Amino acid sequence: MDTDFTNIEGMFKTNTDIVRKAIFEIPPDDWFRSPGDDSNHLMWVTGHIIWSRGNVLKSLNAQWTAPWLSVFARGATRAMEENYPSGGEIQNAWNDISTSLLDRLASAPAELLAKTAPQGSPSFDGKLSGLVAFLAFHETYHVGQISYLRKWLGYGQSVG
C-alpha cells in the first residue's frame, strides 16, 4: 500500500474516533433535534456516513448492510422518526461498520485500488483509490456537521 492510501486510511480512522466520541451518550430525543427546519439532524447525518461507508466497502469488494440504510441514501428526504433506527442501533452500526472498513482498508490489494473507478463515480484520479479518497473527503465534511450538532445540542466539542 502506498503512502497516499495510508493517509486516506488514517483519515477514516480519525473520523471513526471523532464520530464515536460525538455520538456517545446522546439521549434519544436529541438525535432528532436540528438547528433549522431545513437542516439535517444528528440521526440523519450519522446514518448517512454509515451509508457512505457501506459504499466504500462495496467499492473494495466487501459488503455491509442494515435494513434501514436506504433512509440515509444520497438525496433521501428526512423521514418520520419512527422510520429511523434508535440511537443505540446507530452507535452499534457505527462501531460495526468502522471495524469492517478499517480492516478492509488495511488489507486492500494495490491491484484493486489501481483499477479504473466505475463510470460516473467521483474519483480524484479516475482510479478506485481516488474514489475511496473522495469518499473520505465526503465523510470528513459530514463529520464536521456531526461535531457542530454535538456542540449545538450542548454536549461540548468532539475534538480538542
Protein backbone atom coordinates (compact mmCIF):
# COMPACT_ATOMS: atom_id res chain seq x y z
CA MET A 1 0.00 0.00 0.00
CA ASP A 2 1.40 3.40 -0.92
CA THR A 3 1.77 6.34 1.42
CA ASP A 4 -1.09 8.28 -0.14
CA PHE A 5 -3.53 5.47 0.59
CA THR A 6 -2.13 5.07 4.09
CA ASN A 7 -3.07 8.73 4.64
CA ILE A 8 -6.60 8.05 3.38
CA GLU A 9 -6.84 5.11 5.76
CA GLY A 10 -5.72 7.46 8.54
CA MET A 11 -8.49 9.91 7.68
CA PHE A 12 -11.10 7.16 8.09
CA LYS A 13 -9.53 6.11 11.40
CA THR A 14 -9.55 9.67 12.72
CA ASN A 15 -13.16 10.16 11.59
CA THR A 16 -14.11 6.90 13.32
CA ASP A 17 -12.80 8.18 16.64
CA ILE A 18 -14.33 11.66 16.28
CA VAL A 19 -17.79 10.32 15.46
CA ARG A 20 -17.60 7.70 18.21
CA LYS A 21 -16.92 10.49 20.72
CA ALA A 22 -19.50 12.84 19.20
CA ILE A 23 -22.42 10.39 19.38
CA PHE A 24 -21.52 8.86 22.75
CA GLU A 25 -24.35 9.07 25.29
CA ILE A 26 -26.64 11.29 23.21
CA PRO A 27 -30.15 10.91 24.69
CA PRO A 28 -32.92 9.62 22.38
CA ASP A 29 -34.71 12.97 21.93
CA ASP A 30 -31.59 14.83 20.88
CA TRP A 31 -30.90 12.56 17.88
CA PHE A 32 -33.75 14.31 16.05
CA ARG A 33 -33.24 17.95 17.01
CA SER A 34 -31.88 20.25 14.32
CA PRO A 35 -30.85 23.90 14.24
CA GLY A 36 -33.35 24.74 11.48
CA ASP A 37 -36.36 23.37 9.64
CA ASP A 38 -34.29 22.59 6.58
CA SER A 39 -31.27 21.24 8.50
CA ASN A 40 -30.46 17.60 8.99
CA HIS A 41 -30.48 16.14 12.47
CA LEU A 42 -27.74 14.09 14.10
CA MET A 43 -29.51 10.81 13.24
CA TRP A 44 -29.60 11.59 9.53
CA VAL A 45 -26.02 12.82 9.24
CA THR A 46 -24.64 9.87 11.22
CA GLY A 47 -26.75 7.38 9.27
CA HIS A 48 -25.68 8.99 6.01
CA ILE A 49 -21.99 8.46 6.70
CA ILE A 50 -22.75 4.87 7.71
CA TRP A 51 -24.48 4.50 4.33
CA SER A 52 -21.45 6.10 2.66
CA ARG A 53 -19.03 3.76 4.45
CA GLY A 54 -21.11 0.90 3.10
CA ASN A 55 -20.38 2.26 -0.38
CA VAL A 56 -16.66 2.39 0.38
CA LEU A 57 -16.78 -1.26 1.42
CA LYS A 58 -18.74 -2.15 -1.71
CA SER A 59 -16.11 -0.45 -3.88
CA LEU A 60 -13.48 -2.58 -2.12
CA ASN A 61 -15.40 -5.81 -2.83
CA ALA A 62 -16.77 -6.17 0.70
CA GLN A 63 -20.33 -5.92 2.00
CA TRP A 64 -22.07 -4.34 4.96
CA THR A 65 -25.76 -3.67 5.24
CA ALA A 66 -28.58 -2.81 7.61
CA PRO A 67 -32.35 -2.90 6.93
CA TRP A 68 -32.69 0.87 7.38
CA LEU A 69 -29.79 2.07 5.21
CA SER A 70 -31.98 3.40 2.38
CA VAL A 71 -33.40 6.21 4.56
CA PHE A 72 -29.87 7.68 4.65
CA ALA A 73 -29.03 7.41 0.94
CA ARG A 74 -27.82 10.38 -1.04
CA GLY A 75 -30.80 12.56 -1.87
CA ALA A 76 -33.14 10.85 0.61
CA THR A 77 -35.58 13.20 2.27
CA ARG A 78 -35.97 13.13 6.01
CA ALA A 79 -38.50 10.58 7.17
CA MET A 80 -40.66 10.38 10.28
CA GLU A 81 -38.69 9.48 13.43
CA GLU A 82 -40.24 6.01 13.62
CA ASN A 83 -38.63 5.12 10.27
CA TYR A 84 -35.14 5.53 11.71
CA PRO A 85 -33.16 3.16 13.91
CA SER A 86 -32.62 4.04 17.55
CA GLY A 87 -29.57 5.98 18.73
CA GLY A 88 -28.22 2.74 20.20
CA GLU A 89 -28.63 0.94 16.88
CA ILE A 90 -26.80 3.75 15.08
CA GLN A 91 -23.96 3.63 17.61
CA ASN A 92 -23.67 -0.15 17.24
CA ALA A 93 -23.79 0.15 13.45
CA TRP A 94 -21.07 2.82 13.56
CA ASN A 95 -18.80 0.57 15.59
CA ASP A 96 -19.51 -2.46 13.39
CA ILE A 97 -19.06 -0.78 10.01
CA SER A 98 -15.99 1.07 11.26
CA THR A 99 -14.30 -2.18 12.24
CA SER A 100 -15.19 -3.71 8.86
CA LEU A 101 -13.99 -0.66 6.95
CA LEU A 102 -10.69 -0.24 8.78
CA ASP A 103 -9.94 -3.97 8.40
CA ARG A 104 -10.72 -3.83 4.68
CA LEU A 105 -8.68 -0.67 4.11
CA ALA A 106 -5.68 -2.25 5.81
CA SER A 107 -5.86 -5.27 3.52
CA ALA A 108 -6.94 -3.63 0.24
CA PRO A 109 -4.75 -5.03 -2.53
CA ALA A 110 -2.83 -2.48 -4.59
CA GLU A 111 -4.12 -4.01 -7.83
CA LEU A 112 -7.72 -3.41 -6.72
CA LEU A 113 -7.01 0.22 -5.80
CA ALA A 114 -5.35 0.77 -9.18
CA LYS A 115 -8.47 -0.30 -11.12
CA THR A 116 -10.48 2.30 -13.00
CA ALA A 117 -13.32 3.78 -10.94
CA PRO A 118 -16.84 2.90 -12.12
CA GLN A 119 -18.20 5.22 -14.80
CA GLY A 120 -19.82 8.31 -13.26
CA SER A 121 -18.27 7.80 -9.82
CA PRO A 122 -16.42 10.74 -8.29
CA SER A 123 -12.72 9.99 -8.20
CA PHE A 124 -9.78 12.32 -7.77
CA ASP A 125 -7.65 10.34 -10.21
CA GLY A 126 -10.06 8.11 -12.12
CA LYS A 127 -9.00 5.07 -10.10
CA LEU A 128 -10.68 3.19 -7.30
CA SER A 129 -8.16 4.67 -4.86
CA GLY A 130 -9.31 8.14 -5.98
CA LEU A 131 -12.92 7.14 -5.37
CA VAL A 132 -12.08 5.98 -1.83
CA ALA A 133 -10.18 9.25 -1.29
CA PHE A 134 -13.20 11.25 -2.48
CA LEU A 135 -15.45 9.31 -0.09
CA ALA A 136 -13.03 10.07 2.78
CA PHE A 137 -13.31 13.76 1.86
CA HIS A 138 -17.12 13.49 1.70
CA GLU A 139 -17.20 11.77 5.08
CA THR A 140 -14.96 14.39 6.68
CA TYR A 141 -17.39 17.11 5.57
CA HIS A 142 -20.20 15.29 7.40
CA VAL A 143 -18.02 14.60 10.46
CA GLY A 144 -17.73 18.38 10.78
CA GLN A 145 -21.53 18.60 10.72
CA ILE A 146 -21.78 15.95 13.44
CA SER A 147 -19.28 17.83 15.58
CA TYR A 148 -21.21 21.05 15.08
CA LEU A 149 -24.51 19.36 16.00
CA ARG A 150 -22.99 17.86 19.15
CA LYS A 151 -21.85 21.29 20.29
CA TRP A 152 -25.14 22.94 19.26
CA LEU A 153 -27.00 20.31 21.32
CA GLY A 154 -24.96 21.39 24.35
CA TYR A 155 -22.63 18.38 24.72
CA GLY A 156 -19.37 20.18 24.04
CA GLN A 157 -16.84 19.72 21.32
CA SER A 158 -15.79 16.40 19.85
CA VAL A 159 -12.25 17.47 19.02
CA GLY A 160 -9.75 19.22 21.24
